[in-house]
Amino acid sequence: MKIATLFGALTIGLMLLQPHGAGAAEIKVLSAGAVEPGLHAFAVLAKRETGHDLKIQFNTAPQIAKRLVAQYERLLHERKKK
């Protein structure tokens, strides 16, 4: 249960980090497959209410964790260059 909550929070956090513009945006969501039906339903609601499209990719929790760590390490490496 804690892992699902963590990934849910990360999903929302990643959505909030997307650049905000004047028009409709494509929001990328990386999620574990266990919530797929609910997330597809949410995507329809989000499109209707905000005009934003959710581009959803599903993966296993360990694979998501690896991707997040790799992205974090890339960001740290880029920051150290500056």
C-alpha atoms as a PDB file:
ATOM      1  CA  MET A   1       0.000   0.000   0.000  1.00  0.00           C
ATOM      2  CA  LYS A   2       2.827   2.404   0.803  1.00  0.00           C
ATOM      3  CA  ILE A   3       4.432   1.836  -2.610  1.00  0.00           C
ATOM      4  CA  ALA A   4       1.153   2.562  -4.406  1.00  0.00           C
ATOM      5  CA  THR A   5       0.738   5.757  -2.382  1.00  0.00           C
ATOM      6  CA  LEU A   6       4.310   6.792  -3.135  1.00  0.00           C
ATOM      7  CA  PHE A   7       3.908   6.265  -6.863  1.00  0.00           C
ATOM      8  CA  GLY A   8       0.556   8.029  -6.829  1.00  0.00           C
ATOM      9  CA  ALA A   9       2.185  11.031  -5.178  1.00  0.00           C
ATOM     10  CA  LEU A  10       5.077  10.907  -7.641  1.00  0.00           C
ATOM     11  CA  THR A  11       2.657  10.771 -10.547  1.00  0.00           C
ATOM     12  CA  ILE A  12       0.813  13.844  -9.314  1.00  0.00           C
ATOM     13  CA  GLY A  13       4.095  15.578  -8.562  1.00  0.00           C
ATOM     14  CA  LEU A  14       5.409  14.937 -12.048  1.00  0.00           C
ATOM     15  CA  MET A  15       2.187  16.243 -13.525  1.00  0.00           C
ATOM     16  CA  LEU A  16       2.558  19.460 -11.527  1.00  0.00           C
ATOM     17  CA  LEU A  17       6.150  19.930 -12.693  1.00  0.00           C
ATOM     18  CA  GLN A  18       5.120  20.161 -16.317  1.00  0.00           C
ATOM     19  CA  PRO A  19       5.504  23.636 -17.850  1.00  0.00           C
ATOM     20  CA  HIS A  20       2.339  25.682 -17.756  1.00  0.00           C
ATOM     21  CA  GLY A  21       1.270  27.486 -20.890  1.00  0.00           C
ATOM     22  CA  ALA A  22      -1.730  29.380 -22.163  1.00  0.00           C
ATOM     23  CA  GLY A  23      -3.227  26.537 -24.177  1.00  0.00           C
ATOM     24  CA  ALA A  24      -3.893  22.875 -23.770  1.00  0.00           C
ATOM     25  CA  ALA A  25      -0.881  20.819 -22.814  1.00  0.00           C
ATOM     26  CA  GLU A  26       0.185  17.239 -23.146  1.00  0.00           C
ATOM     27  CA  ILE A  27       0.970  15.956 -19.671  1.00  0.00           C
ATOM     28  CA  LYS A  28       3.169  12.897 -19.423  1.00  0.00           C
ATOM     29  CA  VAL A  29       2.257  10.396 -16.729  1.00  0.00           C
ATOM     30  CA  LEU A  30       4.329   7.371 -15.772  1.00  0.00           C
ATOM     31  CA  SER A  31       2.337   4.954 -13.637  1.00  0.00           C
ATOM     32  CA  ALA A  32       2.229   1.414 -12.359  1.00  0.00           C
ATOM     33  CA  GLY A  33      -0.223  -0.790 -14.223  1.00  0.00           C
ATOM     34  CA  ALA A  34      -2.344  -1.600 -11.169  1.00  0.00           C
ATOM     35  CA  VAL A  35      -4.151   1.742 -11.461  1.00  0.00           C
ATOM     36  CA  GLU A  36      -4.602   1.638 -15.239  1.00  0.00           C
ATOM     37  CA  PRO A  37      -8.432   1.569 -15.355  1.00  0.00           C
ATOM     38  CA  GLY A  38      -8.767   4.446 -12.911  1.00  0.00           C
ATOM     39  CA  LEU A  39      -6.081   6.499 -14.590  1.00  0.00           C
ATOM     40  CA  HIS A  40      -7.710   6.122 -18.009  1.00  0.00           C
ATOM     41  CA  ALA A  41     -10.990   7.322 -16.492  1.00  0.00           C
ATOM     42  CA  PHE A  42      -9.150  10.254 -14.900  1.00  0.00           C
ATOM     43  CA  ALA A  43      -7.520  11.121 -18.242  1.00  0.00           C
ATOM     44  CA  VAL A  44     -10.956  11.464 -19.847  1.00  0.00           C
ATOM     45  CA  LEU A  45     -12.111  13.690 -16.978  1.00  0.00           C
ATOM     46  CA  ALA A  46      -8.934  15.804 -17.105  1.00  0.00           C
ATOM     47  CA  LYS A  47      -9.328  16.325 -20.855  1.00  0.00           C
ATOM     48  CA  ARG A  48     -12.955  17.351 -20.450  1.00  0.00           C
ATOM     49  CA  GLU A  49     -12.334  19.682 -17.488  1.00  0.00           C
ATOM     50  CA  THR A  50      -8.980  21.241 -18.434  1.00  0.00           C
ATOM     51  CA  GLY A  51      -8.403  20.521 -22.110  1.00  0.00           C
ATOM     52  CA  HIS A  52      -5.087  18.870 -21.250  1.00  0.00           C
ATOM     53  CA  ASP A  53      -4.221  15.491 -22.765  1.00  0.00           C
ATOM     54  CA  LEU A  54      -2.597  12.910 -20.520  1.00  0.00           C
ATOM     55  CA  LYS A  55       0.001  10.783 -22.285  1.00  0.00           C
ATOM     56  CA  ILE A  56       0.121   7.745 -20.016  1.00  0.00           C
ATOM     57  CA  GLN A  57       2.866   5.131 -19.920  1.00  0.00           C
ATOM     58  CA  PHE A  58       2.455   2.097 -17.692  1.00  0.00           C
ATOM     59  CA  ASN A  59       5.299   0.093 -16.247  1.00  0.00           C
ATOM     60  CA  THR A  60       6.118  -2.013 -13.223  1.00  0.00           C
ATOM     61  CA  ALA A  61       6.961  -0.251  -9.973  1.00  0.00           C
ATOM     62  CA  PRO A  62      10.625  -1.371 -10.022  1.00  0.00           C
ATOM     63  CA  GLN A  63      11.036  -0.144 -13.599  1.00  0.00           C
ATOM     64  CA  ILE A  64       9.454   3.199 -12.693  1.00  0.00           C
ATOM     65  CA  ALA A  65      11.811   3.531  -9.725  1.00  0.00           C
ATOM     66  CA  LYS A  66      14.808   2.882 -12.001  1.00  0.00           C
ATOM     67  CA  ARG A  67      13.629   5.532 -14.462  1.00  0.00           C
ATOM     68  CA  LEU A  68      13.103   8.093 -11.700  1.00  0.00           C
ATOM     69  CA  VAL A  69      16.541   7.438 -10.221  1.00  0.00           C
ATOM     70  CA  ALA A  70      18.169   7.731 -13.656  1.00  0.00           C
ATOM     71  CA  GLN A  71      16.382  11.033 -14.322  1.00  0.00           C
ATOM     72  CA  TYR A  72      17.330  12.357 -10.886  1.00  0.00           C
ATOM     73  CA  GLU A  73      20.975  11.442 -11.484  1.00  0.00           C
ATOM     74  CA  ARG A  74      20.932  13.157 -14.897  1.00  0.00           C
ATOM     75  CA  LEU A  75      19.520  16.320 -13.319  1.00  0.00           C
ATOM     76  CA  LEU A  76      22.156  16.282 -10.577  1.00  0.00           C
ATOM     77  CA  HIS A  77      24.909  15.787 -13.153  1.00  0.00           C
ATOM     78  CA  GLU A  78      23.623  18.712 -15.242  1.00  0.00           C
ATOM     79  CA  ARG A  79      23.368  20.915 -12.174  1.00  0.00           C
ATOM     80  CA  LYS A  80      26.965  20.159 -11.153  1.00  0.00           C
ATOM     81  CA  LYS A  81      28.137  21.271 -14.614  1.00  0.00           C
ATOM     82  CA  LYS A  82      26.773  24.800 -14.043  1.00  0.00           C
END
